[in-house]
Amino acid sequence: MHKKSDETIRAWKLAHGSLALGGTTNFALVGVLSSLQVPGVIKWIIAIAFISSAYGFVFGLLLEPILCERGLSWSGTSANKVVFVGNTIGAIGSLVGAVVLVYAAYKSLI
């Protein structure tokens, strides 16, 4: 049996733990979004960013085992690039959603 390094194990735990955190964040947003004191367009940006993020990651995660590719970089086969696009949409959506959510929370507090 091949023993994985501690760094590999930590990276695996982080990646898979963050998947559950993403889903939990979406559920939490349902309750918080209506309480934010910002224009509706800001709320729509937050919702669209997190929804597209979720679908991007679902797309990538479903295709990874089917195509036998991880999609962690834009190199290699076209199948790898397809998975990479899903992962990238998920990551960018999460980043945009988080930044706009922090802005909306700040604006709601002042």
C-alpha atoms as a PDB file:
ATOM      1  CA  MET A   1       0.000   0.000   0.000  1.00  0.00           C
ATOM      2  CA  HIS A   2       1.375   3.392  -0.991  1.00  0.00           C
ATOM      3  CA  LYS A   3       1.288   5.945   1.836  1.00  0.00           C
ATOM      4  CA  LYS A   4       0.270   9.482   0.857  1.00  0.00           C
ATOM      5  CA  SER A   5       2.227  12.433   2.181  1.00  0.00           C
ATOM      6  CA  ASP A   6       0.708  14.618   4.880  1.00  0.00           C
ATOM      7  CA  GLU A   7       0.581  17.529   2.417  1.00  0.00           C
ATOM      8  CA  THR A   8      -1.459  15.473  -0.069  1.00  0.00           C
ATOM      9  CA  ILE A   9      -3.855  14.381   2.650  1.00  0.00           C
ATOM     10  CA  ARG A  10      -4.331  17.967   3.885  1.00  0.00           C
ATOM     11  CA  ALA A  11      -4.954  19.188   0.324  1.00  0.00           C
ATOM     12  CA  TRP A  12      -7.548  16.444  -0.225  1.00  0.00           C
ATOM     13  CA  LYS A  13      -9.323  17.269   3.039  1.00  0.00           C
ATOM     14  CA  LEU A  14      -9.363  20.983   2.222  1.00  0.00           C
ATOM     15  CA  ALA A  15     -10.738  20.439  -1.277  1.00  0.00           C
ATOM     16  CA  HIS A  16     -13.492  18.090  -0.181  1.00  0.00           C
ATOM     17  CA  GLY A  17     -14.337  20.025   2.973  1.00  0.00           C
ATOM     18  CA  SER A  18     -14.800  23.188   0.951  1.00  0.00           C
ATOM     19  CA  LEU A  19     -17.392  21.434  -1.225  1.00  0.00           C
ATOM     20  CA  ALA A  20     -19.632  20.952   1.781  1.00  0.00           C
ATOM     21  CA  LEU A  21     -18.931  24.505   2.878  1.00  0.00           C
ATOM     22  CA  GLY A  22     -20.053  25.809  -0.527  1.00  0.00           C
ATOM     23  CA  GLY A  23     -23.397  24.065  -0.235  1.00  0.00           C
ATOM     24  CA  THR A  24     -23.858  25.285   3.318  1.00  0.00           C
ATOM     25  CA  THR A  25     -23.058  28.834   2.205  1.00  0.00           C
ATOM     26  CA  ASN A  26     -25.782  28.666  -0.439  1.00  0.00           C
ATOM     27  CA  PHE A  27     -28.346  27.603   2.163  1.00  0.00           C
ATOM     28  CA  ALA A  28     -27.232  30.403   4.488  1.00  0.00           C
ATOM     29  CA  LEU A  29     -27.530  32.962   1.682  1.00  0.00           C
ATOM     30  CA  VAL A  30     -31.227  32.177   1.331  1.00  0.00           C
ATOM     31  CA  GLY A  31     -31.881  33.570   4.799  1.00  0.00           C
ATOM     32  CA  VAL A  32     -29.483  36.502   4.606  1.00  0.00           C
ATOM     33  CA  LEU A  33     -30.049  37.855   1.101  1.00  0.00           C
ATOM     34  CA  SER A  34     -33.389  39.511   1.840  1.00  0.00           C
ATOM     35  CA  SER A  35     -31.938  41.236   4.933  1.00  0.00           C
ATOM     36  CA  LEU A  36     -29.177  43.046   3.057  1.00  0.00           C
ATOM     37  CA  GLN A  37     -29.812  46.774   2.682  1.00  0.00           C
ATOM     38  CA  VAL A  38     -28.476  47.117  -0.870  1.00  0.00           C
ATOM     39  CA  PRO A  39     -30.140  47.610  -4.269  1.00  0.00           C
ATOM     40  CA  GLY A  40     -31.751  44.587  -5.888  1.00  0.00           C
ATOM     41  CA  VAL A  41     -29.102  44.429  -8.597  1.00  0.00           C
ATOM     42  CA  ILE A  42     -26.438  43.723  -5.951  1.00  0.00           C
ATOM     43  CA  LYS A  43     -28.558  40.908  -4.540  1.00  0.00           C
ATOM     44  CA  TRP A  44     -28.972  39.497  -8.044  1.00  0.00           C
ATOM     45  CA  ILE A  45     -25.212  39.600  -8.627  1.00  0.00           C
ATOM     46  CA  ILE A  46     -24.645  37.676  -5.396  1.00  0.00           C
ATOM     47  CA  ALA A  47     -27.290  35.088  -6.276  1.00  0.00           C
ATOM     48  CA  ILE A  48     -26.112  34.613  -9.865  1.00  0.00           C
ATOM     49  CA  ALA A  49     -22.470  34.364  -8.795  1.00  0.00           C
ATOM     50  CA  PHE A  50     -23.111  31.639  -6.213  1.00  0.00           C
ATOM     51  CA  ILE A  51     -25.586  29.741  -8.416  1.00  0.00           C
ATOM     52  CA  SER A  52     -23.180  29.731 -11.359  1.00  0.00           C
ATOM     53  CA  SER A  53     -20.401  28.681  -8.994  1.00  0.00           C
ATOM     54  CA  ALA A  54     -22.418  25.727  -7.748  1.00  0.00           C
ATOM     55  CA  TYR A  55     -23.307  24.584 -11.260  1.00  0.00           C
ATOM     56  CA  GLY A  56     -19.726  25.066 -12.447  1.00  0.00           C
ATOM     57  CA  PHE A  57     -18.405  22.820  -9.687  1.00  0.00           C
ATOM     58  CA  VAL A  58     -21.172  20.252 -10.262  1.00  0.00           C
ATOM     59  CA  PHE A  59     -20.294  20.194 -13.974  1.00  0.00           C
ATOM     60  CA  GLY A  60     -16.601  19.751 -13.205  1.00  0.00           C
ATOM     61  CA  LEU A  61     -17.108  17.194 -10.460  1.00  0.00           C
ATOM     62  CA  LEU A  62     -19.435  15.067 -12.557  1.00  0.00           C
ATOM     63  CA  LEU A  63     -17.117  15.048 -15.552  1.00  0.00           C
ATOM     64  CA  GLU A  64     -13.898  14.348 -13.612  1.00  0.00           C
ATOM     65  CA  PRO A  65     -14.518  10.610 -13.078  1.00  0.00           C
ATOM     66  CA  ILE A  66     -16.247  10.139 -16.442  1.00  0.00           C
ATOM     67  CA  LEU A  67     -13.400  11.701 -18.421  1.00  0.00           C
ATOM     68  CA  CYS A  68     -10.654  10.499 -16.034  1.00  0.00           C
ATOM     69  CA  GLU A  69      -9.294  14.033 -15.830  1.00  0.00           C
ATOM     70  CA  ARG A  70      -8.845  16.347 -12.835  1.00  0.00           C
ATOM     71  CA  GLY A  71      -9.012  19.679 -14.639  1.00  0.00           C
ATOM     72  CA  LEU A  72      -6.572  21.499 -12.391  1.00  0.00           C
ATOM     73  CA  SER A  73      -4.769  23.323 -15.216  1.00  0.00           C
ATOM     74  CA  TRP A  74      -5.330  24.353 -18.827  1.00  0.00           C
ATOM     75  CA  SER A  75      -2.924  21.762 -20.161  1.00  0.00           C
ATOM     76  CA  GLY A  76      -3.200  18.296 -21.543  1.00  0.00           C
ATOM     77  CA  THR A  77      -6.153  16.791 -23.334  1.00  0.00           C
ATOM     78  CA  SER A  78      -9.316  18.567 -24.428  1.00  0.00           C
ATOM     79  CA  ALA A  79     -11.219  16.522 -21.836  1.00  0.00           C
ATOM     80  CA  ASN A  80      -8.994  18.001 -19.125  1.00  0.00           C
ATOM     81  CA  LYS A  81      -9.736  21.478 -20.465  1.00  0.00           C
ATOM     82  CA  VAL A  82     -13.498  20.850 -20.315  1.00  0.00           C
ATOM     83  CA  VAL A  83     -13.233  19.874 -16.644  1.00  0.00           C
ATOM     84  CA  PHE A  84     -10.946  22.858 -16.040  1.00  0.00           C
ATOM     85  CA  VAL A  85     -13.615  25.209 -17.436  1.00  0.00           C
ATOM     86  CA  GLY A  86     -16.167  23.833 -14.954  1.00  0.00           C
ATOM     87  CA  ASN A  87     -13.741  24.225 -12.059  1.00  0.00           C
ATOM     88  CA  THR A  88     -12.829  27.741 -13.188  1.00  0.00           C
ATOM     89  CA  ILE A  89     -16.473  28.833 -13.433  1.00  0.00           C
ATOM     90  CA  GLY A  90     -16.981  27.462  -9.926  1.00  0.00           C
ATOM     91  CA  ALA A  91     -13.953  29.259  -8.520  1.00  0.00           C
ATOM     92  CA  ILE A  92     -14.642  32.606 -10.208  1.00  0.00           C
ATOM     93  CA  GLY A  93     -18.311  32.491  -9.211  1.00  0.00           C
ATOM     94  CA  SER A  94     -17.361  31.832  -5.592  1.00  0.00           C
ATOM     95  CA  LEU A  95     -14.815  34.643  -5.586  1.00  0.00           C
ATOM     96  CA  VAL A  96     -17.169  37.194  -7.167  1.00  0.00           C
ATOM     97  CA  GLY A  97     -20.026  36.142  -4.893  1.00  0.00           C
ATOM     98  CA  ALA A  98     -17.881  36.381  -1.769  1.00  0.00           C
ATOM     99  CA  VAL A  99     -16.476  39.818  -2.645  1.00  0.00           C
ATOM    100  CA  VAL A 100     -19.898  41.263  -3.500  1.00  0.00           C
ATOM    101  CA  LEU A 101     -21.431  39.660  -0.392  1.00  0.00           C
ATOM    102  CA  VAL A 102     -18.797  41.271   1.837  1.00  0.00           C
ATOM    103  CA  TYR A 103     -19.472  44.617   0.133  1.00  0.00           C
ATOM    104  CA  ALA A 104     -23.240  44.207   0.623  1.00  0.00           C
ATOM    105  CA  ALA A 105     -22.785  43.278   4.275  1.00  0.00           C
ATOM    106  CA  TYR A 106     -20.546  46.316   4.818  1.00  0.00           C
ATOM    107  CA  LYS A 107     -23.051  48.633   3.114  1.00  0.00           C
ATOM    108  CA  SER A 108     -25.853  47.152   5.218  1.00  0.00           C
ATOM    109  CA  LEU A 109     -23.978  47.876   8.435  1.00  0.00           C
ATOM    110  CA  ILE A 110     -23.177  51.542   7.770  1.00  0.00           C
END
